Amino acid sequence: ANRDGTDDNRSWNCGEEGPTDDPAILGLRTRQRRNFLATLFLA
């Protein structure tokens, strides 16, 4: 019943929960993925 797993995800859906067709949200999500990856490899 969705009770398992942490609630402290420190996540952000960028404006809409789950899949979306909104190009602005999709673009922001792409940048955020790259931000995380760049921070990971350059740290």
PDB file of all heavy atoms in Angstrom:
ATOM      1  N   ALA A   1       0.822  -1.213   0.000  1.00  0.00           N
ATOM      2  CA  ALA A   1       0.000   0.000   0.000  1.00  0.00           C
ATOM      3  C   ALA A   1       0.856   1.264   0.000  1.00  0.00           C
ATOM      4  O   ALA A   1       0.499   2.272   0.615  1.00  0.00           O
ATOM      5  CB  ALA A   1      -0.974  -0.001   1.189  1.00  0.00           C
ATOM      6  N   ASN A   2       1.980   1.204  -0.687  1.00  0.00           N
ATOM      7  CA  ASN A   2       2.894   2.347  -0.822  1.00  0.00           C
ATOM      8  C   ASN A   2       3.501   2.803   0.505  1.00  0.00           C
ATOM      9  O   ASN A   2       3.971   3.930   0.633  1.00  0.00           O
ATOM     10  CB  ASN A   2       2.187   3.540  -1.493  1.00  0.00           C
ATOM     11  CG  ASN A   2       3.160   4.443  -2.232  1.00  0.00           C
ATOM     12  OD1 ASN A   2       4.124   3.983  -2.837  1.00  0.00           O
ATOM     13  ND2 ASN A   2       2.913   5.742  -2.184  1.00  0.00           N
ATOM     14  N   ARG A   3       3.523   1.901   1.495  1.00  0.00           N
ATOM     15  CA  ARG A   3       4.113   2.265   2.788  1.00  0.00           C
ATOM     16  C   ARG A   3       5.615   2.000   2.830  1.00  0.00           C
ATOM     17  O   ARG A   3       6.318   2.553   3.669  1.00  0.00           O
ATOM     18  CB  ARG A   3       3.435   1.482   3.923  1.00  0.00           C
ATOM     19  CG  ARG A   3       1.985   1.861   4.174  1.00  0.00           C
ATOM     20  CD  ARG A   3       1.471   1.182   5.432  1.00  0.00           C
ATOM     21  NE  ARG A   3       1.526  -0.273   5.324  1.00  0.00           N
ATOM     22  CZ  ARG A   3       0.538  -1.037   4.892  1.00  0.00           C
ATOM     23  NH1 ARG A   3      -0.602  -0.467   4.512  1.00  0.00           N
ATOM     24  NH2 ARG A   3       0.661  -2.353   4.828  1.00  0.00           N
ATOM     25  N   ASP A   4       6.113   1.137   1.962  1.00  0.00           N
ATOM     26  CA  ASP A   4       7.531   0.807   1.980  1.00  0.00           C
ATOM     27  C   ASP A   4       8.330   1.864   1.229  1.00  0.00           C
ATOM     28  O   ASP A   4       7.781   2.661   0.474  1.00  0.00           O
ATOM     29  CB  ASP A   4       7.766  -0.568   1.347  1.00  0.00           C
ATOM     30  CG  ASP A   4       7.396  -0.565  -0.130  1.00  0.00           C
ATOM     31  OD1 ASP A   4       6.223  -0.269  -0.441  1.00  0.00           O
ATOM     32  OD2 ASP A   4       8.286  -0.827  -0.964  1.00  0.00           O
ATOM     33  N   GLY A   5       9.644   1.862   1.421  1.00  0.00           N
ATOM     34  CA  GLY A   5      10.501   2.829   0.748  1.00  0.00           C
ATOM     35  C   GLY A   5      10.520   4.156   1.474  1.00  0.00           C
ATOM     36  O   GLY A   5       9.577   4.521   2.186  1.00  0.00           O
ATOM     37  N   THR A   6      11.589   4.890   1.299  1.00  0.00           N
ATOM     38  CA  THR A   6      11.740   6.151   2.012  1.00  0.00           C
ATOM     39  C   THR A   6      10.824   7.233   1.468  1.00  0.00           C
ATOM     40  O   THR A   6      10.448   7.218   0.283  1.00  0.00           O
ATOM     41  CB  THR A   6      13.199   6.633   1.935  1.00  0.00           C
ATOM     42  OG1 THR A   6      13.347   7.824   2.704  1.00  0.00           O
ATOM     43  CG2 THR A   6      13.604   6.920   0.490  1.00  0.00           C
ATOM     44  N   ASP A   7      10.455   8.166   2.329  1.00  0.00           N
ATOM     45  CA  ASP A   7       9.725   9.356   1.906  1.00  0.00           C
ATOM     46  C   ASP A   7      10.663  10.551   1.740  1.00  0.00           C
ATOM     47  O   ASP A   7      10.245  11.607   1.270  1.00  0.00           O
ATOM     48  CB  ASP A   7       8.631   9.697   2.921  1.00  0.00           C
ATOM     49  CG  ASP A   7       7.522   8.653   2.938  1.00  0.00           C
ATOM     50  OD1 ASP A   7       7.021   8.321   1.856  1.00  0.00           O
ATOM     51  OD2 ASP A   7       7.175   8.166   4.032  1.00  0.00           O
ATOM     52  N   ASP A   8      11.919  10.379   2.146  1.00  0.00           N
ATOM     53  CA  ASP A   8      12.901  11.462   2.061  1.00  0.00           C
ATOM     54  C   ASP A   8      13.688  11.307   0.763  1.00  0.00           C
ATOM     55  O   ASP A   8      14.867  10.950   0.762  1.00  0.00           O
ATOM     56  CB  ASP A   8      13.833  11.421   3.276  1.00  0.00           C
ATOM     57  CG  ASP A   8      14.831  12.566   3.269  1.00  0.00           C
ATOM     58  OD1 ASP A   8      14.545  13.594   2.623  1.00  0.00           O
ATOM     59  OD2 ASP A   8      15.900  12.434   3.907  1.00  0.00           O
ATOM     60  N   ASN A   9      13.027  11.617  -0.363  1.00  0.00           N
ATOM     61  CA  ASN A   9      13.655  11.421  -1.667  1.00  0.00           C
ATOM     62  C   ASN A   9      14.443  12.637  -2.146  1.00  0.00           C
ATOM     63  O   ASN A   9      15.288  12.505  -3.023  1.00  0.00           O
ATOM     64  CB  ASN A   9      12.584  11.090  -2.706  1.00  0.00           C
ATOM     65  CG  ASN A   9      11.889   9.775  -2.423  1.00  0.00           C
ATOM     66  OD1 ASN A   9      12.504   8.725  -2.516  1.00  0.00           O
ATOM     67  ND2 ASN A   9      10.610   9.828  -2.083  1.00  0.00           N
ATOM     68  N   ARG A  10      14.122  13.806  -1.621  1.00  0.00           N
ATOM     69  CA  ARG A  10      14.770  15.052  -2.061  1.00  0.00           C
ATOM     70  C   ARG A  10      14.706  15.175  -3.579  1.00  0.00           C
ATOM     71  O   ARG A  10      15.666  15.590  -4.236  1.00  0.00           O
ATOM     72  CB  ARG A  10      16.200  15.134  -1.544  1.00  0.00           C
ATOM     73  CG  ARG A  10      16.264  15.033  -0.020  1.00  0.00           C
ATOM     74  CD  ARG A  10      17.675  15.091   0.518  1.00  0.00           C
ATOM     75  NE  ARG A  10      17.665  14.782   1.945  1.00  0.00           N
ATOM     76  CZ  ARG A  10      18.268  15.514   2.877  1.00  0.00           C
ATOM     77  NH1 ARG A  10      18.916  16.602   2.548  1.00  0.00           N
ATOM     78  NH2 ARG A  10      18.220  15.143   4.138  1.00  0.00           N
ATOM     79  N   SER A  11      13.583  14.768  -4.108  1.00  0.00           N
ATOM     80  CA  SER A  11      13.368  14.789  -5.553  1.00  0.00           C
ATOM     81  C   SER A  11      12.475  15.970  -5.927  1.00  0.00           C
ATOM     82  O   SER A  11      11.903  16.640  -5.066  1.00  0.00           O
ATOM     83  CB  SER A  11      12.716  13.476  -5.991  1.00  0.00           C
ATOM     84  OG  SER A  11      11.455  13.306  -5.344  1.00  0.00           O
ATOM     85  N   TRP A  12      12.362  16.207  -7.234  1.00  0.00           N
ATOM     86  CA  TRP A  12      11.493  17.265  -7.748  1.00  0.00           C
ATOM     87  C   TRP A  12      11.030  16.868  -9.134  1.00  0.00           C
ATOM     88  O   TRP A  12      11.834  16.517  -9.989  1.00  0.00           O
ATOM     89  CB  TRP A  12      12.239  18.600  -7.790  1.00  0.00           C
ATOM     90  CG  TRP A  12      11.422  19.729  -8.339  1.00  0.00           C
ATOM     91  CD1 TRP A  12      10.112  20.019  -8.079  1.00  0.00           C
ATOM     92  CD2 TRP A  12      11.874  20.726  -9.263  1.00  0.00           C
ATOM     93  NE1 TRP A  12       9.709  21.132  -8.773  1.00  0.00           N
ATOM     94  CE2 TRP A  12      10.773  21.595  -9.505  1.00  0.00           C
ATOM     95  CE3 TRP A  12      13.089  20.972  -9.900  1.00  0.00           C
ATOM     96  CZ2 TRP A  12      10.869  22.675 -10.369  1.00  0.00           C
ATOM     97  CZ3 TRP A  12      13.185  22.061 -10.765  1.00  0.00           C
ATOM     98  CH2 TRP A  12      12.087  22.910 -10.983  1.00  0.00           C
ATOM     99  N   ASN A  13       9.723  16.906  -9.336  1.00  0.00           N
ATOM    100  CA  ASN A  13       9.166  16.440 -10.612  1.00  0.00           C
ATOM    101  C   ASN A  13       9.209  17.492 -11.711  1.00  0.00           C
ATOM    102  O   ASN A  13       8.741  17.244 -12.821  1.00  0.00           O
ATOM    103  CB  ASN A  13       7.744  15.924 -10.422  1.00  0.00           C
ATOM    104  CG  ASN A  13       6.758  17.006  -9.999  1.00  0.00           C
ATOM    105  OD1 ASN A  13       7.016  18.201 -10.141  1.00  0.00           O
ATOM    106  ND2 ASN A  13       5.610  16.591  -9.465  1.00  0.00           N
ATOM    107  N   CYS A  14       9.723  18.670 -11.413  1.00  0.00           N
ATOM    108  CA  CYS A  14       9.886  19.755 -12.396  1.00  0.00           C
ATOM    109  C   CYS A  14       8.557  20.319 -12.885  1.00  0.00           C
ATOM    110  O   CYS A  14       8.513  20.981 -13.934  1.00  0.00           O
ATOM    111  CB  CYS A  14      10.739  19.307 -13.580  1.00  0.00           C
ATOM    112  SG  CYS A  14      12.430  18.871 -13.137  1.00  0.00           S
ATOM    113  N   GLY A  15       7.479  20.039 -12.173  1.00  0.00           N
ATOM    114  CA  GLY A  15       6.214  20.683 -12.508  1.00  0.00           C
ATOM    115  C   GLY A  15       5.045  19.771 -12.759  1.00  0.00           C
ATOM    116  O   GLY A  15       3.894  20.220 -12.768  1.00  0.00           O
ATOM    117  N   GLU A  16       5.296  18.491 -12.964  1.00  0.00           N
ATOM    118  CA  GLU A  16       4.199  17.551 -13.193  1.00  0.00           C
ATOM    119  C   GLU A  16       4.651  16.161 -12.760  1.00  0.00           C
ATOM    120  O   GLU A  16       5.768  15.750 -13.060  1.00  0.00           O
ATOM    121  CB  GLU A  16       3.789  17.548 -14.665  1.00  0.00           C
ATOM    122  CG  GLU A  16       2.561  16.688 -14.971  1.00  0.00           C
ATOM    123  CD  GLU A  16       2.101  16.831 -16.409  1.00  0.00           C
ATOM    124  OE1 GLU A  16       2.378  17.879 -17.026  1.00  0.00           O
ATOM    125  OE2 GLU A  16       1.471  15.882 -16.923  1.00  0.00           O
ATOM    126  N   GLU A  17       3.800  15.444 -12.060  1.00  0.00           N
ATOM    127  CA  GLU A  17       4.160  14.131 -11.528  1.00  0.00           C
ATOM    128  C   GLU A  17       4.137  13.076 -12.629  1.00  0.00           C
ATOM    129  O   GLU A  17       3.116  12.855 -13.287  1.00  0.00           O
ATOM    130  CB  GLU A  17       3.197  13.735 -10.400  1.00  0.00           C
ATOM    131  CG  GLU A  17       3.609  12.494  -9.621  1.00  0.00           C
ATOM    132  CD  GLU A  17       4.751  12.754  -8.638  1.00  0.00           C
ATOM    133  OE1 GLU A  17       5.320  13.858  -8.643  1.00  0.00           O
ATOM    134  OE2 GLU A  17       5.066  11.843  -7.846  1.00  0.00           O
ATOM    135  N   GLY A  18       5.274  12.430 -12.831  1.00  0.00           N
ATOM    136  CA  GLY A  18       5.346  11.322 -13.768  1.00  0.00           C
ATOM    137  C   GLY A  18       5.471  11.756 -15.216  1.00  0.00           C
ATOM    138  O   GLY A  18       5.899  12.876 -15.528  1.00  0.00           O
ATOM    139  N   PRO A  19       5.107  10.858 -16.140  1.00  0.00           N
ATOM    140  CA  PRO A  19       5.252  11.149 -17.570  1.00  0.00           C
ATOM    141  C   PRO A  19       4.471  12.394 -17.979  1.00  0.00           C
ATOM    142  O   PRO A  19       3.407  12.698 -17.431  1.00  0.00           O
ATOM    143  CB  PRO A  19       4.691   9.892 -18.250  1.00  0.00           C
ATOM    144  CG  PRO A  19       4.814   8.813 -17.214  1.00  0.00           C
ATOM    145  CD  PRO A  19       4.600   9.489 -15.896  1.00  0.00           C
ATOM    146  N   THR A  20       5.009  13.113 -18.944  1.00  0.00           N
ATOM    147  CA  THR A  20       4.360  14.330 -19.425  1.00  0.00           C
ATOM    148  C   THR A  20       4.736  14.551 -20.879  1.00  0.00           C
ATOM    149  O   THR A  20       5.762  14.050 -21.360  1.00  0.00           O
ATOM    150  CB  THR A  20       4.791  15.551 -18.592  1.00  0.00           C
ATOM    151  OG1 THR A  20       4.125  16.726 -19.073  1.00  0.00           O
ATOM    152  CG2 THR A  20       6.297  15.769 -18.684  1.00  0.00           C
ATOM    153  N   ASP A  21       3.906  15.342 -21.578  1.00  0.00           N
ATOM    154  CA  ASP A  21       4.211  15.758 -22.947  1.00  0.00           C
ATOM    155  C   ASP A  21       4.604  17.228 -23.003  1.00  0.00           C
ATOM    156  O   ASP A  21       4.855  17.762 -24.090  1.00  0.00           O
ATOM    157  CB  ASP A  21       2.994  15.532 -23.857  1.00  0.00           C
ATOM    158  CG  ASP A  21       2.661  14.053 -24.005  1.00  0.00           C
ATOM    159  OD1 ASP A  21       3.607  13.242 -24.029  1.00  0.00           O
ATOM    160  OD2 ASP A  21       1.459  13.721 -24.089  1.00  0.00           O
ATOM    161  N   ASP A  22       4.639  17.884 -21.866  1.00  0.00           N
ATOM    162  CA  ASP A  22       4.949  19.310 -21.815  1.00  0.00           C
ATOM    163  C   ASP A  22       6.415  19.522 -22.184  1.00  0.00           C
ATOM    164  O   ASP A  22       7.317  19.083 -21.456  1.00  0.00           O
ATOM    165  CB  ASP A  22       4.675  19.840 -20.410  1.00  0.00           C
ATOM    166  CG  ASP A  22       4.786  21.359 -20.328  1.00  0.00           C
ATOM    167  OD1 ASP A  22       5.736  21.909 -20.910  1.00  0.00           O
ATOM    168  OD2 ASP A  22       3.945  21.985 -19.658  1.00  0.00           O
ATOM    169  N   PRO A  23       6.701  20.197 -23.287  1.00  0.00           N
ATOM    170  CA  PRO A  23       8.098  20.349 -23.719  1.00  0.00           C
ATOM    171  C   PRO A  23       8.952  21.141 -22.738  1.00  0.00           C
ATOM    172  O   PRO A  23      10.154  20.880 -22.615  1.00  0.00           O
ATOM    173  CB  PRO A  23       7.979  21.062 -25.068  1.00  0.00           C
ATOM    174  CG  PRO A  23       6.625  21.689 -25.078  1.00  0.00           C
ATOM    175  CD  PRO A  23       5.751  20.824 -24.240  1.00  0.00           C
ATOM    176  N   ALA A  24       8.372  22.109 -22.047  1.00  0.00           N
ATOM    177  CA  ALA A  24       9.145  22.892 -21.081  1.00  0.00           C
ATOM    178  C   ALA A  24       9.586  22.022 -19.914  1.00  0.00           C
ATOM    179  O   ALA A  24      10.737  22.102 -19.453  1.00  0.00           O
ATOM    180  CB  ALA A  24       8.319  24.076 -20.585  1.00  0.00           C
ATOM    181  N   ILE A  25       8.683  21.178 -19.423  1.00  0.00           N
ATOM    182  CA  ILE A  25       9.032  20.283 -18.319  1.00  0.00           C
ATOM    183  C   ILE A  25      10.042  19.248 -18.769  1.00  0.00           C
ATOM    184  O   ILE A  25      11.008  18.942 -18.058  1.00  0.00           O
ATOM    185  CB  ILE A  25       7.762  19.618 -17.758  1.00  0.00           C
ATOM    186  CG1 ILE A  25       6.856  20.659 -17.096  1.00  0.00           C
ATOM    187  CG2 ILE A  25       8.115  18.505 -16.771  1.00  0.00           C
ATOM    188  CD1 ILE A  25       5.537  20.114 -16.605  1.00  0.00           C
ATOM    189  N   LEU A  26       9.858  18.707 -19.973  1.00  0.00           N
ATOM    190  CA  LEU A  26      10.805  17.723 -20.489  1.00  0.00           C
ATOM    191  C   LEU A  26      12.192  18.324 -20.640  1.00  0.00           C
ATOM    192  O   LEU A  26      13.207  17.686 -20.330  1.00  0.00           O
ATOM    193  CB  LEU A  26      10.307  17.167 -21.822  1.00  0.00           C
ATOM    194  CG  LEU A  26       9.060  16.286 -21.766  1.00  0.00           C
ATOM    195  CD1 LEU A  26       8.583  15.932 -23.173  1.00  0.00           C
ATOM    196  CD2 LEU A  26       9.335  15.010 -20.976  1.00  0.00           C
ATOM    197  N   GLY A  27      12.246  19.562 -21.116  1.00  0.00           N
ATOM    198  CA  GLY A  27      13.533  20.230 -21.257  1.00  0.00           C
ATOM    199  C   GLY A  27      14.207  20.465 -19.922  1.00  0.00           C
ATOM    200  O   GLY A  27      15.427  20.289 -19.782  1.00  0.00           O
ATOM    201  N   LEU A  28      13.426  20.878 -18.926  1.00  0.00           N
ATOM    202  CA  LEU A  28      13.975  21.093 -17.585  1.00  0.00           C
ATOM    203  C   LEU A  28      14.473  19.779 -16.994  1.00  0.00           C
ATOM    204  O   LEU A  28      15.554  19.729 -16.380  1.00  0.00           O
ATOM    205  CB  LEU A  28      12.907  21.717 -16.687  1.00  0.00           C
ATOM    206  CG  LEU A  28      13.294  21.934 -15.221  1.00  0.00           C
ATOM    207  CD1 LEU A  28      14.558  22.760 -15.086  1.00  0.00           C
ATOM    208  CD2 LEU A  28      12.131  22.580 -14.464  1.00  0.00           C
ATOM    209  N   ARG A  29      13.722  18.703 -17.174  1.00  0.00           N
ATOM    210  CA  ARG A  29      14.160  17.406 -16.654  1.00  0.00           C
ATOM    211  C   ARG A  29      15.472  16.960 -17.303  1.00  0.00           C
ATOM    212  O   ARG A  29      16.348  16.418 -16.631  1.00  0.00           O
ATOM    213  CB  ARG A  29      13.068  16.351 -16.877  1.00  0.00           C
ATOM    214  CG  ARG A  29      11.847  16.521 -15.985  1.00  0.00           C
ATOM    215  CD  ARG A  29      10.779  15.483 -16.305  1.00  0.00           C
ATOM    216  NE  ARG A  29       9.626  15.625 -15.422  1.00  0.00           N
ATOM    217  CZ  ARG A  29       8.517  14.901 -15.511  1.00  0.00           C
ATOM    218  NH1 ARG A  29       8.411  13.957 -16.470  1.00  0.00           N
ATOM    219  NH2 ARG A  29       7.515  15.092 -14.679  1.00  0.00           N
ATOM    220  N   THR A  30      15.591  17.215 -18.602  1.00  0.00           N
ATOM    221  CA  THR A  30      16.835  16.859 -19.280  1.00  0.00           C
ATOM    222  C   THR A  30      18.005  17.631 -18.686  1.00  0.00           C
ATOM    223  O   THR A  30      19.078  17.058 -18.431  1.00  0.00           O
ATOM    224  CB  THR A  30      16.718  17.131 -20.787  1.00  0.00           C
ATOM    225  OG1 THR A  30      15.692  16.298 -21.337  1.00  0.00           O
ATOM    226  CG2 THR A  30      18.032  16.842 -21.496  1.00  0.00           C
ATOM    227  N   ARG A  31      17.826  18.946 -18.467  1.00  0.00           N
ATOM    228  CA  ARG A  31      18.899  19.741 -17.864  1.00  0.00           C
ATOM    229  C   ARG A  31      19.234  19.246 -16.470  1.00  0.00           C
ATOM    230  O   ARG A  31      20.408  19.158 -16.087  1.00  0.00           O
ATOM    231  CB  ARG A  31      18.508  21.221 -17.795  1.00  0.00           C
ATOM    232  CG  ARG A  31      18.493  21.925 -19.114  1.00  0.00           C
ATOM    233  CD  ARG A  31      18.681  23.434 -18.968  1.00  0.00           C
ATOM    234  NE  ARG A  31      17.760  24.074 -18.048  1.00  0.00           N
ATOM    235  CZ  ARG A  31      16.502  24.396 -18.325  1.00  0.00           C
ATOM    236  NH1 ARG A  31      15.995  24.111 -19.523  1.00  0.00           N
ATOM    237  NH2 ARG A  31      15.740  24.998 -17.428  1.00  0.00           N
ATOM    238  N   GLN A  32      18.228  18.892 -15.701  1.00  0.00           N
ATOM    239  CA  GLN A  32      18.468  18.437 -14.335  1.00  0.00           C
ATOM    240  C   GLN A  32      19.243  17.117 -14.324  1.00  0.00           C
ATOM    241  O   GLN A  32      20.159  16.930 -13.512  1.00  0.00           O
ATOM    242  CB  GLN A  32      17.141  18.287 -13.579  1.00  0.00           C
ATOM    243  CG  GLN A  32      16.489  19.607 -13.200  1.00  0.00           C
ATOM    244  CD  GLN A  32      17.235  20.315 -12.090  1.00  0.00           C
ATOM    245  OE1 GLN A  32      18.300  20.897 -12.301  1.00  0.00           O
ATOM    246  NE2 GLN A  32      16.698  20.259 -10.884  1.00  0.00           N
ATOM    247  N   ARG A  33      18.893  16.202 -15.225  1.00  0.00           N
ATOM    248  CA  ARG A  33      19.661  14.957 -15.297  1.00  0.00           C
ATOM    249  C   ARG A  33      21.118  15.260 -15.625  1.00  0.00           C
ATOM    250  O   ARG A  33      22.041  14.693 -15.014  1.00  0.00           O
ATOM    251  CB  ARG A  33      19.077  14.018 -16.358  1.00  0.00           C
ATOM    252  CG  ARG A  33      17.750  13.391 -15.995  1.00  0.00           C
ATOM    253  CD  ARG A  33      17.423  12.204 -16.896  1.00  0.00           C
ATOM    254  NE  ARG A  33      17.456  12.531 -18.311  1.00  0.00           N
ATOM    255  CZ  ARG A  33      16.433  13.039 -18.999  1.00  0.00           C
ATOM    256  NH1 ARG A  33      15.276  13.265 -18.383  1.00  0.00           N
ATOM    257  NH2 ARG A  33      16.543  13.296 -20.297  1.00  0.00           N
ATOM    258  N   ARG A  34      21.333  16.145 -16.567  1.00  0.00           N
ATOM    259  CA  ARG A  34      22.702  16.490 -16.937  1.00  0.00           C
ATOM    260  C   ARG A  34      23.425  17.221 -15.808  1.00  0.00           C
ATOM    261  O   ARG A  34      24.632  17.042 -15.623  1.00  0.00           O
ATOM    262  CB  ARG A  34      22.690  17.341 -18.207  1.00  0.00           C
ATOM    263  CG  ARG A  34      22.251  16.565 -19.446  1.00  0.00           C
ATOM    264  CD  ARG A  34      22.088  17.493 -20.630  1.00  0.00           C
ATOM    265  NE  ARG A  34      21.658  16.757 -21.823  1.00  0.00           N
ATOM    266  CZ  ARG A  34      21.106  17.327 -22.887  1.00  0.00           C
ATOM    267  NH1 ARG A  34      20.909  18.641 -22.901  1.00  0.00           N
ATOM    268  NH2 ARG A  34      20.748  16.596 -23.926  1.00  0.00           N
ATOM    269  N   ASN A  35      22.698  18.053 -15.082  1.00  0.00           N
ATOM    270  CA  ASN A  35      23.327  18.742 -13.947  1.00  0.00           C
ATOM    271  C   ASN A  35      23.842  17.743 -12.918  1.00  0.00           C
ATOM    272  O   ASN A  35      24.959  17.876 -12.400  1.00  0.00           O
ATOM    273  CB  ASN A  35      22.325  19.686 -13.282  1.00  0.00           C
ATOM    274  CG  ASN A  35      21.977  20.881 -14.138  1.00  0.00           C
ATOM    275  OD1 ASN A  35      22.757  21.283 -15.017  1.00  0.00           O
ATOM    276  ND2 ASN A  35      20.811  21.453 -13.923  1.00  0.00           N
ATOM    277  N   PHE A  36      23.009  16.771 -12.617  1.00  0.00           N
ATOM    278  CA  PHE A  36      23.422  15.750 -11.657  1.00  0.00           C
ATOM    279  C   PHE A  36      24.621  14.956 -12.175  1.00  0.00           C
ATOM    280  O   PHE A  36      25.571  14.683 -11.441  1.00  0.00           O
ATOM    281  CB  PHE A  36      22.259  14.804 -11.356  1.00  0.00           C
ATOM    282  CG  PHE A  36      21.208  15.381 -10.455  1.00  0.00           C
ATOM    283  CD1 PHE A  36      19.871  15.384 -10.835  1.00  0.00           C
ATOM    284  CD2 PHE A  36      21.541  15.902  -9.216  1.00  0.00           C
ATOM    285  CE1 PHE A  36      18.890  15.912 -10.003  1.00  0.00           C
ATOM    286  CE2 PHE A  36      20.569  16.429  -8.371  1.00  0.00           C
ATOM    287  CZ  PHE A  36      19.245  16.445  -8.769  1.00  0.00           C
ATOM    288  N   LEU A  37      24.567  14.578 -13.433  1.00  0.00           N
ATOM    289  CA  LEU A  37      25.656  13.792 -14.008  1.00  0.00           C
ATOM    290  C   LEU A  37      26.950  14.598 -14.067  1.00  0.00           C
ATOM    291  O   LEU A  37      28.037  14.093 -13.739  1.00  0.00           O
ATOM    292  CB  LEU A  37      25.274  13.310 -15.401  1.00  0.00           C
ATOM    293  CG  LEU A  37      24.178  12.233 -15.454  1.00  0.00           C
ATOM    294  CD1 LEU A  37      23.634  12.090 -16.870  1.00  0.00           C
ATOM    295  CD2 LEU A  37      24.704  10.898 -14.949  1.00  0.00           C
ATOM    296  N   ALA A  38      26.853  15.865 -14.472  1.00  0.00           N
ATOM    297  CA  ALA A  38      28.043  16.705 -14.541  1.00  0.00           C
ATOM    298  C   ALA A  38      28.631  16.928 -13.158  1.00  0.00           C
ATOM    299  O   ALA A  38      29.858  16.872 -12.974  1.00  0.00           O
ATOM    300  CB  ALA A  38      27.699  18.041 -15.200  1.00  0.00           C
ATOM    301  N   THR A  39      27.791  17.175 -12.179  1.00  0.00           N
ATOM    302  CA  THR A  39      28.282  17.349 -10.812  1.00  0.00           C
ATOM    303  C   THR A  39      28.963  16.084 -10.330  1.00  0.00           C
ATOM    304  O   THR A  39      29.977  16.141  -9.619  1.00  0.00           O
ATOM    305  CB  THR A  39      27.122  17.720  -9.876  1.00  0.00           C
ATOM    306  OG1 THR A  39      26.437  18.870 -10.389  1.00  0.00           O
ATOM    307  CG2 THR A  39      27.633  18.032  -8.476  1.00  0.00           C
ATOM    308  N   LEU A  40      28.429  14.929 -10.711  1.00  0.00           N
ATOM    309  CA  LEU A  40      29.007  13.658 -10.296  1.00  0.00           C
ATOM    310  C   LEU A  40      30.398  13.457 -10.890  1.00  0.00           C
ATOM    311  O   LEU A  40      31.347  13.093 -10.181  1.00  0.00           O
ATOM    312  CB  LEU A  40      28.081  12.513 -10.724  1.00  0.00           C
ATOM    313  CG  LEU A  40      28.540  11.094 -10.407  1.00  0.00           C
ATOM    314  CD1 LEU A  40      28.590  10.875  -8.904  1.00  0.00           C
ATOM    315  CD2 LEU A  40      27.619  10.071 -11.055  1.00  0.00           C
ATOM    316  N   PHE A  41      30.563  13.698 -12.174  1.00  0.00           N
ATOM    317  CA  PHE A  41      31.824  13.405 -12.844  1.00  0.00           C
ATOM    318  C   PHE A  41      32.881  14.489 -12.628  1.00  0.00           C
ATOM    319  O   PHE A  41      34.075  14.212 -12.749  1.00  0.00           O
ATOM    320  CB  PHE A  41      31.599  13.186 -14.338  1.00  0.00           C
ATOM    321  CG  PHE A  41      31.182  11.786 -14.689  1.00  0.00           C
ATOM    322  CD1 PHE A  41      29.850  11.395 -14.621  1.00  0.00           C
ATOM    323  CD2 PHE A  41      32.122  10.842 -15.074  1.00  0.00           C
ATOM    324  CE1 PHE A  41      29.456  10.109 -14.931  1.00  0.00           C
ATOM    325  CE2 PHE A  41      31.743   9.549 -15.391  1.00  0.00           C
ATOM    326  CZ  PHE A  41      30.401   9.172 -15.321  1.00  0.00           C
ATOM    327  N   LEU A  42      32.460  15.702 -12.304  1.00  0.00           N
ATOM    328  CA  LEU A  42      33.422  16.788 -12.148  1.00  0.00           C
ATOM    329  C   LEU A  42      33.784  17.050 -10.695  1.00  0.00           C
ATOM    330  O   LEU A  42      34.675  17.857 -10.413  1.00  0.00           O
ATOM    331  CB  LEU A  42      32.877  18.071 -12.789  1.00  0.00           C
ATOM    332  CG  LEU A  42      32.534  17.968 -14.281  1.00  0.00           C
ATOM    333  CD1 LEU A  42      32.082  19.312 -14.814  1.00  0.00           C
ATOM    334  CD2 LEU A  42      33.709  17.435 -15.091  1.00  0.00           C
ATOM    335  N   ALA A  43      33.122  16.374  -9.759  1.00  0.00           N
ATOM    336  CA  ALA A  43      33.443  16.545  -8.338  1.00  0.00           C
ATOM    337  C   ALA A  43      34.683  15.739  -7.985  1.00  0.00           C
ATOM    338  O   ALA A  43      34.954  14.684  -8.569  1.00  0.00           O
ATOM    339  CB  ALA A  43      32.263  16.106  -7.476  1.00  0.00           C
TER     340      ALA A  43
END
